[in-house]
PDB file of all heavy atoms in Angstrom:
ATOM      1  N   ALA A   1       6.401  71.554  32.141  1.00  0.00           N
ATOM      2  CA  ALA A   1       7.094  71.598  33.432  1.00  0.00           C
ATOM      3  C   ALA A   1       8.395  72.389  33.365  1.00  0.00           C
ATOM      4  O   ALA A   1       9.047  72.592  34.394  1.00  0.00           O
ATOM      5  CB  ALA A   1       7.359  70.180  33.925  1.00  0.00           C
ATOM      6  N   GLY A   2       8.779  72.809  32.182  1.00  0.00           N
ATOM      7  CA  GLY A   2       9.993  73.604  32.037  1.00  0.00           C
ATOM      8  C   GLY A   2      11.277  72.809  32.146  1.00  0.00           C
ATOM      9  O   GLY A   2      12.331  73.374  32.478  1.00  0.00           O
ATOM     10  N   VAL A   3      11.209  71.509  31.864  1.00  0.00           N
ATOM     11  CA  VAL A   3      12.423  70.681  31.867  1.00  0.00           C
ATOM     12  C   VAL A   3      13.079  70.848  30.498  1.00  0.00           C
ATOM     13  O   VAL A   3      12.857  70.060  29.578  1.00  0.00           O
ATOM     14  CB  VAL A   3      12.091  69.203  32.156  1.00  0.00           C
ATOM     15  CG1 VAL A   3      13.376  68.380  32.229  1.00  0.00           C
ATOM     16  CG2 VAL A   3      11.295  69.063  33.447  1.00  0.00           C
ATOM     17  N   ASP A   4      13.870  71.898  30.376  1.00  0.00           N
ATOM     18  CA  ASP A   4      14.425  72.278  29.077  1.00  0.00           C
ATOM     19  C   ASP A   4      15.892  71.941  28.913  1.00  0.00           C
ATOM     20  O   ASP A   4      16.457  72.140  27.831  1.00  0.00           O
ATOM     21  CB  ASP A   4      14.248  73.793  28.872  1.00  0.00           C
ATOM     22  CG  ASP A   4      12.787  74.216  28.886  1.00  0.00           C
ATOM     23  OD1 ASP A   4      11.954  73.444  28.366  1.00  0.00           O
ATOM     24  OD2 ASP A   4      12.489  75.308  29.424  1.00  0.00           O
ATOM     25  N   ASP A   5      16.528  71.433  29.989  1.00  0.00           N
ATOM     26  CA  ASP A   5      17.969  71.212  29.936  1.00  0.00           C
ATOM     27  C   ASP A   5      18.334  69.771  29.602  1.00  0.00           C
ATOM     28  O   ASP A   5      19.520  69.410  29.632  1.00  0.00           O
ATOM     29  CB  ASP A   5      18.610  71.611  31.266  1.00  0.00           C
ATOM     30  CG  ASP A   5      18.016  70.858  32.455  1.00  0.00           C
ATOM     31  OD1 ASP A   5      16.905  70.292  32.307  1.00  0.00           O
ATOM     32  OD2 ASP A   5      18.657  70.835  33.523  1.00  0.00           O
ATOM     33  N   VAL A   6      17.340  68.940  29.297  1.00  0.00           N
ATOM     34  CA  VAL A   6      17.594  67.543  28.948  1.00  0.00           C
ATOM     35  C   VAL A   6      16.965  67.262  27.587  1.00  0.00           C
ATOM     36  O   VAL A   6      15.798  67.606  27.363  1.00  0.00           O
ATOM     37  CB  VAL A   6      16.985  66.586  29.999  1.00  0.00           C
ATOM     38  CG1 VAL A   6      17.297  65.131  29.645  1.00  0.00           C
ATOM     39  CG2 VAL A   6      17.487  66.915  31.399  1.00  0.00           C
ATOM     40  N   PRO A   7      17.692  66.645  26.653  1.00  0.00           N
ATOM     41  CA  PRO A   7      17.090  66.293  25.352  1.00  0.00           C
ATOM     42  C   PRO A   7      15.865  65.411  25.536  1.00  0.00           C
ATOM     43  O   PRO A   7      15.839  64.533  26.409  1.00  0.00           O
ATOM     44  CB  PRO A   7      18.215  65.551  24.631  1.00  0.00           C
ATOM     45  CG  PRO A   7      19.473  66.025  25.278  1.00  0.00           C
ATOM     46  CD  PRO A   7      19.116  66.276  26.711  1.00  0.00           C
ATOM     47  N   LEU A   8      14.835  65.665  24.707  1.00  0.00           N
ATOM     48  CA  LEU A   8      13.572  64.927  24.802  1.00  0.00           C
ATOM     49  C   LEU A   8      13.316  64.161  23.516  1.00  0.00           C
ATOM     50  O   LEU A   8      13.291  64.747  22.426  1.00  0.00           O
ATOM     51  CB  LEU A   8      12.409  65.887  25.060  1.00  0.00           C
ATOM     52  CG  LEU A   8      10.999  65.271  25.049  1.00  0.00           C
ATOM     53  CD1 LEU A   8      10.826  64.279  26.202  1.00  0.00           C
ATOM     54  CD2 LEU A   8       9.930  66.360  25.110  1.00  0.00           C
ATOM     55  N   VAL A   9      13.118  62.851  23.649  1.00  0.00           N
ATOM     56  CA  VAL A   9      12.661  61.997  22.553  1.00  0.00           C
ATOM     57  C   VAL A   9      11.203  61.642  22.850  1.00  0.00           C
ATOM     58  O   VAL A   9      10.877  61.238  23.965  1.00  0.00           O
ATOM     59  CB  VAL A   9      13.521  60.726  22.440  1.00  0.00           C
ATOM     60  CG1 VAL A   9      12.947  59.782  21.373  1.00  0.00           C
ATOM     61  CG2 VAL A   9      14.967  61.088  22.107  1.00  0.00           C
ATOM     62  N   TYR A  10      10.362  61.808  21.861  1.00  0.00           N
ATOM     63  CA  TYR A  10       8.913  61.601  22.027  1.00  0.00           C
ATOM     64  C   TYR A  10       8.451  60.526  21.053  1.00  0.00           C
ATOM     65  O   TYR A  10       8.611  60.664  19.847  1.00  0.00           O
ATOM     66  CB  TYR A  10       8.199  62.934  21.798  1.00  0.00           C
ATOM     67  CG  TYR A  10       6.750  62.906  21.364  1.00  0.00           C
ATOM     68  CD1 TYR A  10       5.821  62.023  21.926  1.00  0.00           C
ATOM     69  CD2 TYR A  10       6.298  63.804  20.402  1.00  0.00           C
ATOM     70  CE1 TYR A  10       4.497  62.027  21.517  1.00  0.00           C
ATOM     71  CE2 TYR A  10       4.969  63.827  19.991  1.00  0.00           C
ATOM     72  CZ  TYR A  10       4.072  62.930  20.545  1.00  0.00           C
ATOM     73  OH  TYR A  10       2.764  62.938  20.149  1.00  0.00           O
ATOM     74  N   THR A  11       7.883  59.437  21.596  1.00  0.00           N
ATOM     75  CA  THR A  11       7.317  58.366  20.774  1.00  0.00           C
ATOM     76  C   THR A  11       5.800  58.402  20.867  1.00  0.00           C
ATOM     77  O   THR A  11       5.234  58.412  21.959  1.00  0.00           O
ATOM     78  CB  THR A  11       7.811  56.984  21.228  1.00  0.00           C
ATOM     79  OG1 THR A  11       9.197  56.847  20.908  1.00  0.00           O
ATOM     80  CG2 THR A  11       7.050  55.872  20.501  1.00  0.00           C
ATOM     81  N   GLU A  12       5.139  58.404  19.703  1.00  0.00           N
ATOM     82  CA  GLU A  12       3.678  58.371  19.675  1.00  0.00           C
ATOM     83  C   GLU A  12       3.199  56.976  19.269  1.00  0.00           C
ATOM     84  O   GLU A  12       3.733  56.371  18.347  1.00  0.00           O
ATOM     85  CB  GLU A  12       3.128  59.416  18.707  1.00  0.00           C
ATOM     86  CG  GLU A  12       1.617  59.588  18.792  1.00  0.00           C
ATOM     87  CD  GLU A  12       1.142  59.848  20.219  1.00  0.00           C
ATOM     88  OE1 GLU A  12       1.271  60.998  20.689  1.00  0.00           O
ATOM     89  OE2 GLU A  12       0.651  58.885  20.869  1.00  0.00           O
ATOM     90  N   HIS A  13       2.177  56.516  19.994  1.00  0.00           N
ATOM     91  CA  HIS A  13       1.549  55.215  19.754  1.00  0.00           C
ATOM     92  C   HIS A  13       0.053  55.327  19.496  1.00  0.00           C
ATOM     93  O   HIS A  13      -0.558  54.362  19.045  1.00  0.00           O
ATOM     94  CB  HIS A  13       1.672  54.301  20.991  1.00  0.00           C
ATOM     95  CG  HIS A  13       3.027  54.120  21.559  1.00  0.00           C
ATOM     96  ND1 HIS A  13       3.703  52.915  21.514  1.00  0.00           N
ATOM     97  CD2 HIS A  13       3.846  54.962  22.246  1.00  0.00           C
ATOM     98  CE1 HIS A  13       4.865  53.029  22.136  1.00  0.00           C
ATOM     99  NE2 HIS A  13       4.967  54.264  22.592  1.00  0.00           N
ATOM    100  N   PHE A  14      -0.561  56.454  19.818  1.00  0.00           N
ATOM    101  CA  PHE A  14      -2.002  56.550  20.052  1.00  0.00           C
ATOM    102  C   PHE A  14      -2.826  56.256  18.803  1.00  0.00           C
ATOM    103  O   PHE A  14      -2.672  56.904  17.771  1.00  0.00           O
ATOM    104  CB  PHE A  14      -2.333  57.940  20.586  1.00  0.00           C
ATOM    105  CG  PHE A  14      -3.771  58.144  20.971  1.00  0.00           C
ATOM    106  CD1 PHE A  14      -4.485  57.149  21.636  1.00  0.00           C
ATOM    107  CD2 PHE A  14      -4.413  59.328  20.674  1.00  0.00           C
ATOM    108  CE1 PHE A  14      -5.805  57.348  22.002  1.00  0.00           C
ATOM    109  CE2 PHE A  14      -5.733  59.545  21.035  1.00  0.00           C
ATOM    110  CZ  PHE A  14      -6.430  58.544  21.698  1.00  0.00           C
ATOM    111  N   SER A  15      -3.733  55.287  18.933  1.00  0.00           N
ATOM    112  CA  SER A  15      -4.573  54.896  17.802  1.00  0.00           C
ATOM    113  C   SER A  15      -5.700  55.889  17.544  1.00  0.00           C
ATOM    114  O   SER A  15      -6.394  55.785  16.532  1.00  0.00           O
ATOM    115  CB  SER A  15      -5.172  53.502  18.042  1.00  0.00           C
ATOM    116  OG  SER A  15      -5.931  53.486  19.236  1.00  0.00           O
ATOM    117  N   GLY A  16      -5.893  56.859  18.446  1.00  0.00           N
ATOM    118  CA  GLY A  16      -6.946  57.850  18.260  1.00  0.00           C
ATOM    119  C   GLY A  16      -6.551  59.008  17.373  1.00  0.00           C
ATOM    120  O   GLY A  16      -7.368  59.893  17.105  1.00  0.00           O
ATOM    121  N   LEU A  17      -5.307  59.038  16.896  1.00  0.00           N
ATOM    122  CA  LEU A  17      -4.874  60.100  16.001  1.00  0.00           C
ATOM    123  C   LEU A  17      -5.267  59.773  14.567  1.00  0.00           C
ATOM    124  O   LEU A  17      -5.208  58.627  14.135  1.00  0.00           O
ATOM    125  CB  LEU A  17      -3.354  60.286  16.072  1.00  0.00           C
ATOM    126  CG  LEU A  17      -2.779  60.755  17.404  1.00  0.00           C
ATOM    127  CD1 LEU A  17      -1.265  60.893  17.289  1.00  0.00           C
ATOM    128  CD2 LEU A  17      -3.394  62.074  17.841  1.00  0.00           C
ATOM    129  N   SER A  18      -5.655  60.811  13.820  1.00  0.00           N
ATOM    130  CA  SER A  18      -5.973  60.639  12.410  1.00  0.00           C
ATOM    131  C   SER A  18      -5.708  61.957  11.706  1.00  0.00           C
ATOM    132  O   SER A  18      -5.451  62.988  12.351  1.00  0.00           O
ATOM    133  CB  SER A  18      -7.437  60.224  12.209  1.00  0.00           C
ATOM    134  OG  SER A  18      -8.292  61.334  12.448  1.00  0.00           O
ATOM    135  N   LEU A  19      -5.775  61.947  10.388  1.00  0.00           N
ATOM    136  CA  LEU A  19      -5.579  63.183   9.630  1.00  0.00           C
ATOM    137  C   LEU A  19      -6.676  64.194   9.928  1.00  0.00           C
ATOM    138  O   LEU A  19      -6.501  65.401   9.675  1.00  0.00           O
ATOM    139  CB  LEU A  19      -5.526  62.877   8.129  1.00  0.00           C
ATOM    140  CG  LEU A  19      -4.283  62.119   7.656  1.00  0.00           C
ATOM    141  CD1 LEU A  19      -4.418  61.741   6.191  1.00  0.00           C
ATOM    142  CD2 LEU A  19      -3.027  62.962   7.871  1.00  0.00           C
ATOM    143  N   ASP A  20      -7.803  63.729  10.471  1.00  0.00           N
ATOM    144  CA  ASP A  20      -8.891  64.634  10.844  1.00  0.00           C
ATOM    145  C   ASP A  20      -8.734  65.183  12.248  1.00  0.00           C
ATOM    146  O   ASP A  20      -9.543  66.004  12.691  1.00  0.00           O
ATOM    147  CB  ASP A  20     -10.237  63.906  10.739  1.00  0.00           C
ATOM    148  CG  ASP A  20     -10.553  63.480   9.310  1.00  0.00           C
ATOM    149  OD1 ASP A  20     -10.193  64.224   8.383  1.00  0.00           O
ATOM    150  OD2 ASP A  20     -11.144  62.401   9.132  1.00  0.00           O
ATOM    151  N   GLY A  21      -7.714  64.728  12.967  1.00  0.00           N
ATOM    152  CA  GLY A  21      -7.470  65.239  14.303  1.00  0.00           C
ATOM    153  C   GLY A  21      -7.940  64.305  15.388  1.00  0.00           C
ATOM    154  O   GLY A  21      -8.330  63.159  15.155  1.00  0.00           O
ATOM    155  N   ALA A  22      -7.911  64.814  16.627  1.00  0.00           N
ATOM    156  CA  ALA A  22      -8.297  64.036  17.802  1.00  0.00           C
ATOM    157  C   ALA A  22      -9.043  64.972  18.753  1.00  0.00           C
ATOM    158  O   ALA A  22      -9.399  66.091  18.382  1.00  0.00           O
ATOM    159  CB  ALA A  22      -7.058  63.444  18.467  1.00  0.00           C
ATOM    160  N   ASP A  23      -9.291  64.522  19.972  1.00  0.00           N
ATOM    161  CA  ASP A  23      -9.942  65.387  20.957  1.00  0.00           C
ATOM    162  C   ASP A  23      -9.028  66.570  21.294  1.00  0.00           C
ATOM    163  O   ASP A  23      -7.823  66.538  21.053  1.00  0.00           O
ATOM    164  CB  ASP A  23     -10.268  64.584  22.217  1.00  0.00           C
ATOM    165  CG  ASP A  23      -9.016  64.035  22.880  1.00  0.00           C
ATOM    166  OD1 ASP A  23      -8.561  62.942  22.482  1.00  0.00           O
ATOM    167  OD2 ASP A  23      -8.476  64.707  23.781  1.00  0.00           O
ATOM    168  N   ARG A  24      -9.606  67.625  21.884  1.00  0.00           N
ATOM    169  CA  ARG A  24      -8.858  68.874  22.081  1.00  0.00           C
ATOM    170  C   ARG A  24      -7.640  68.678  22.973  1.00  0.00           C
ATOM    171  O   ARG A  24      -6.568  69.212  22.684  1.00  0.00           O
ATOM    172  CB  ARG A  24      -9.772  69.948  22.679  1.00  0.00           C
ATOM    173  CG  ARG A  24      -9.072  71.304  22.882  1.00  0.00           C
ATOM    174  CD  ARG A  24     -10.073  72.424  23.055  1.00  0.00           C
ATOM    175  NE  ARG A  24     -10.804  72.345  24.297  1.00  0.00           N
ATOM    176  CZ  ARG A  24     -10.410  72.933  25.441  1.00  0.00           C
ATOM    177  NH1 ARG A  24      -9.273  73.613  25.479  1.00  0.00           N
ATOM    178  NH2 ARG A  24     -11.143  72.824  26.530  1.00  0.00           N
ATOM    179  N   ARG A  25      -7.787  67.920  24.049  1.00  0.00           N
ATOM    180  CA  ARG A  25      -6.641  67.697  24.936  1.00  0.00           C
ATOM    181  C   ARG A  25      -5.487  67.053  24.196  1.00  0.00           C
ATOM    182  O   ARG A  25      -4.333  67.498  24.287  1.00  0.00           O
ATOM    183  CB  ARG A  25      -7.090  66.830  26.126  1.00  0.00           C
ATOM    184  CG  ARG A  25      -6.102  66.782  27.289  1.00  0.00           C
ATOM    185  CD  ARG A  25      -5.043  65.717  27.156  1.00  0.00           C
ATOM    186  NE  ARG A  25      -5.591  64.398  27.021  1.00  0.00           N
ATOM    187  CZ  ARG A  25      -4.886  63.343  26.624  1.00  0.00           C
ATOM    188  NH1 ARG A  25      -3.613  63.461  26.269  1.00  0.00           N
ATOM    189  NH2 ARG A  25      -5.458  62.155  26.519  1.00  0.00           N
TER     190      ARG A  25
END
């Protein structure tokens, strides 16, 4: 969205992530 003027903190929770990857999206 181009919201570049505010610092962004990103927390990941998703159990579908693995060292082998996830779906393309």
